[in-house]
C-alpha atoms as a PDB file:
ATOM      1  CA  MET A   1       8.907  74.374  63.642  1.00  0.00           C
ATOM      2  CA  ALA A   2      11.479  73.008  61.118  1.00  0.00           C
ATOM      3  CA  LYS A   3      15.112  74.350  61.174  1.00  0.00           C
ATOM      4  CA  PRO A   4      16.186  76.833  58.590  1.00  0.00           C
ATOM      5  CA  SER A   5      17.907  75.475  55.546  1.00  0.00           C
ATOM      6  CA  GLY A   6      21.650  76.097  55.085  1.00  0.00           C
ATOM      7  CA  VAL A   7      20.918  78.444  52.174  1.00  0.00           C
ATOM      8  CA  PHE A   8      18.465  80.374  54.268  1.00  0.00           C
ATOM      9  CA  ARG A   9      21.248  80.771  57.062  1.00  0.00           C
ATOM     10  CA  ILE A  10      23.767  81.944  54.616  1.00  0.00           C
ATOM     11  CA  VAL A  11      21.406  84.639  53.366  1.00  0.00           C
ATOM     12  CA  GLU A  12      20.653  85.714  56.955  1.00  0.00           C
ATOM     13  CA  VAL A  13      24.480  85.945  57.529  1.00  0.00           C
ATOM     14  CA  ILE A  14      24.829  88.305  54.489  1.00  0.00           C
ATOM     15  CA  LYS A  15      21.815  90.409  55.495  1.00  0.00           C
ATOM     16  CA  GLN A  16      23.040  90.902  59.044  1.00  0.00           C
ATOM     17  CA  GLY A  17      26.201  92.223  57.617  1.00  0.00           C
ATOM     18  CA  PRO A  18      29.504  92.292  59.606  1.00  0.00           C
ATOM     19  CA  ARG A  19      28.252  93.549  62.875  1.00  0.00           C
ATOM     20  CA  PRO A  20      29.315  90.698  65.355  1.00  0.00           C
ATOM     21  CA  SER A  21      32.573  90.169  63.507  1.00  0.00           C
ATOM     22  CA  GLU A  22      36.423  90.620  63.791  1.00  0.00           C
ATOM     23  CA  SER A  23      38.035  93.488  61.809  1.00  0.00           C
ATOM     24  CA  VAL A  24      41.054  92.321  59.851  1.00  0.00           C
ATOM     25  CA  ALA A  25      43.782  94.635  58.395  1.00  0.00           C
ATOM     26  CA  ILE A  26      44.705  93.673  54.846  1.00  0.00           C
ATOM     27  CA  THR A  27      48.382  94.264  54.513  1.00  0.00           C
ATOM     28  CA  GLY A  28      49.327  92.651  51.175  1.00  0.00           C
ATOM     29  CA  ALA A  29      50.824  89.877  53.066  1.00  0.00           C
ATOM     30  CA  PHE A  30      49.407  86.205  53.616  1.00  0.00           C
ATOM     31  CA  GLN A  31      47.179  86.230  56.639  1.00  0.00           C
ATOM     32  CA  THR A  32      45.537  83.210  58.228  1.00  0.00           C
ATOM     33  CA  LEU A  33      42.016  83.611  59.326  1.00  0.00           C
ATOM     34  CA  THR A  34      41.645  81.037  62.099  1.00  0.00           C
ATOM     35  CA  ARG A  35      38.367  79.056  62.097  1.00  0.00           C
ATOM     36  CA  PRO A  36      36.850  78.886  65.567  1.00  0.00           C
ATOM     37  CA  ALA A  37      35.715  75.291  66.685  1.00  0.00           C
ATOM     38  CA  GLY A  38      32.187  74.476  65.418  1.00  0.00           C
ATOM     39  CA  ALA A  39      32.137  77.030  62.529  1.00  0.00           C
ATOM     40  CA  ASP A  40      30.788  75.898  59.212  1.00  0.00           C
ATOM     41  CA  GLY A  41      31.821  78.752  57.202  1.00  0.00           C
ATOM     42  CA  VAL A  42      32.999  82.355  57.000  1.00  0.00           C
ATOM     43  CA  ALA A  43      31.554  85.605  55.520  1.00  0.00           C
ATOM     44  CA  ILE A  44      34.212  88.305  54.584  1.00  0.00           C
ATOM     45  CA  PHE A  45      32.967  91.685  54.040  1.00  0.00           C
ATOM     46  CA  PRO A  46      35.669  94.087  52.515  1.00  0.00           C
ATOM     47  CA  ASP A  47      35.477  97.851  53.369  1.00  0.00           C
ATOM     48  CA  PRO A  48      33.371  99.581  50.719  1.00  0.00           C
ATOM     49  CA  SER A  49      36.236 101.833  49.933  1.00  0.00           C
ATOM     50  CA  TYR A  50      38.676  98.850  49.271  1.00  0.00           C
ATOM     51  CA  ALA A  51      40.388  99.340  45.937  1.00  0.00           C
ATOM     52  CA  GLY A  52      42.071  96.011  45.438  1.00  0.00           C
ATOM     53  CA  THR A  53      41.429  92.300  44.950  1.00  0.00           C
ATOM     54  CA  LEU A  54      41.168  89.575  47.501  1.00  0.00           C
ATOM     55  CA  THR A  55      42.618  86.166  47.036  1.00  0.00           C
ATOM     56  CA  LEU A  56      41.585  83.226  49.302  1.00  0.00           C
ATOM     57  CA  LYS A  57      44.151  80.630  49.795  1.00  0.00           C
ATOM     58  CA  GLY A  58      44.643  77.328  51.654  1.00  0.00           C
ATOM     59  CA  ILE A  59      48.335  77.786  52.200  1.00  0.00           C
ATOM     60  CA  THR A  60      51.007  80.559  51.485  1.00  0.00           C
ATOM     61  CA  GLY A  61      52.250  79.040  48.258  1.00  0.00           C
ATOM     62  CA  ASP A  62      48.736  78.196  46.929  1.00  0.00           C
ATOM     63  CA  THR A  63      47.585  80.117  43.749  1.00  0.00           C
ATOM     64  CA  GLY A  64      44.151  80.682  45.434  1.00  0.00           C
ATOM     65  CA  ILE A  65      40.975  82.017  44.165  1.00  0.00           C
ATOM     66  CA  VAL A  66      40.503  85.749  43.385  1.00  0.00           C
ATOM     67  CA  VAL A  67      37.247  87.067  44.752  1.00  0.00           C
ATOM     68  CA  ASN A  68      35.330  90.434  44.329  1.00  0.00           C
ATOM     69  CA  GLY A  69      37.224  93.094  46.618  1.00  0.00           C
ATOM     70  CA  LYS A  70      33.892  94.938  46.746  1.00  0.00           C
ATOM     71  CA  GLU A  71      31.292  92.471  47.626  1.00  0.00           C
ATOM     72  CA  PRO A  72      30.768  89.950  50.572  1.00  0.00           C
ATOM     73  CA  THR A  73      32.215  86.501  50.025  1.00  0.00           C
ATOM     74  CA  VAL A  74      30.869  83.561  51.675  1.00  0.00           C
ATOM     75  CA  LEU A  75      32.907  80.261  51.955  1.00  0.00           C
ATOM     76  CA  MET A  76      31.887  76.997  53.613  1.00  0.00           C
ATOM     77  CA  THR A  77      34.984  75.602  55.135  1.00  0.00           C
ATOM     78  CA  ALA A  78      36.085  73.133  57.765  1.00  0.00           C
ATOM     79  CA  ALA A  79      39.602  74.727  58.103  1.00  0.00           C
ATOM     80  CA  ASP A  80      41.318  78.037  58.517  1.00  0.00           C
ATOM     81  CA  VAL A  81      41.436  80.298  55.385  1.00  0.00           C
ATOM     82  CA  GLY A  82      44.274  82.322  53.964  1.00  0.00           C
ATOM     83  CA  LEU A  83      43.677  85.800  52.880  1.00  0.00           C
ATOM     84  CA  LEU A  84      45.874  87.860  50.572  1.00  0.00           C
ATOM     85  CA  GLY A  85      44.930  91.545  49.671  1.00  0.00           C
ATOM     86  CA  SER A  86      46.567  93.340  46.618  1.00  0.00           C
ATOM     87  CA  VAL A  87      46.465  96.684  48.414  1.00  0.00           C
ATOM     88  CA  ALA A  88      46.255  97.725  52.114  1.00  0.00           C
ATOM     89  CA  GLY A  89      42.740  98.032  53.658  1.00  0.00           C
ATOM     90  CA  THR A  90      40.362  96.365  56.063  1.00  0.00           C
ATOM     91  CA  CYS A  91      37.549  93.710  55.928  1.00  0.00           C
ATOM     92  CA  ALA A  92      35.224  92.368  58.501  1.00  0.00           C
ATOM     93  CA  VAL A  93      35.323  88.628  59.029  1.00  0.00           C
ATOM     94  CA  ARG A  94      32.387  86.746  60.393  1.00  0.00           C
ATOM     95  CA  TRP A  95      32.443  83.017  61.159  1.00  0.00           C
ATOM     96  CA  PHE A  96      29.074  81.255  61.310  1.00  0.00           C
ATOM     97  CA  ARG A  97      27.221  77.924  62.034  1.00  0.00           C
ATOM     98  CA  LEU A  98      24.461  76.554  59.892  1.00  0.00           C
ATOM     99  CA  GLN A  99      22.512  74.907  62.812  1.00  0.00           C
END
């Protein structure tokens, strides 16, 4: 049987939701999400009641990319990810491998 494609795996990660993940408190300050060895990407699931915006950053002074604070965000990355929230809240973070 052939291995699932990368797109299929990303869809599966989103469908499975934040179950086997770490909970991260969004504090309004820059936070580093540390990439575990071997991870190909991360899925970030904001709490459904989160009322702010989330910005993904590479470093503290980076302008970053604003993402939807209400929907999951999937990012392929080979490095740690910085997270900045506009208001306090929580999100689930789930690192994954494509293989």
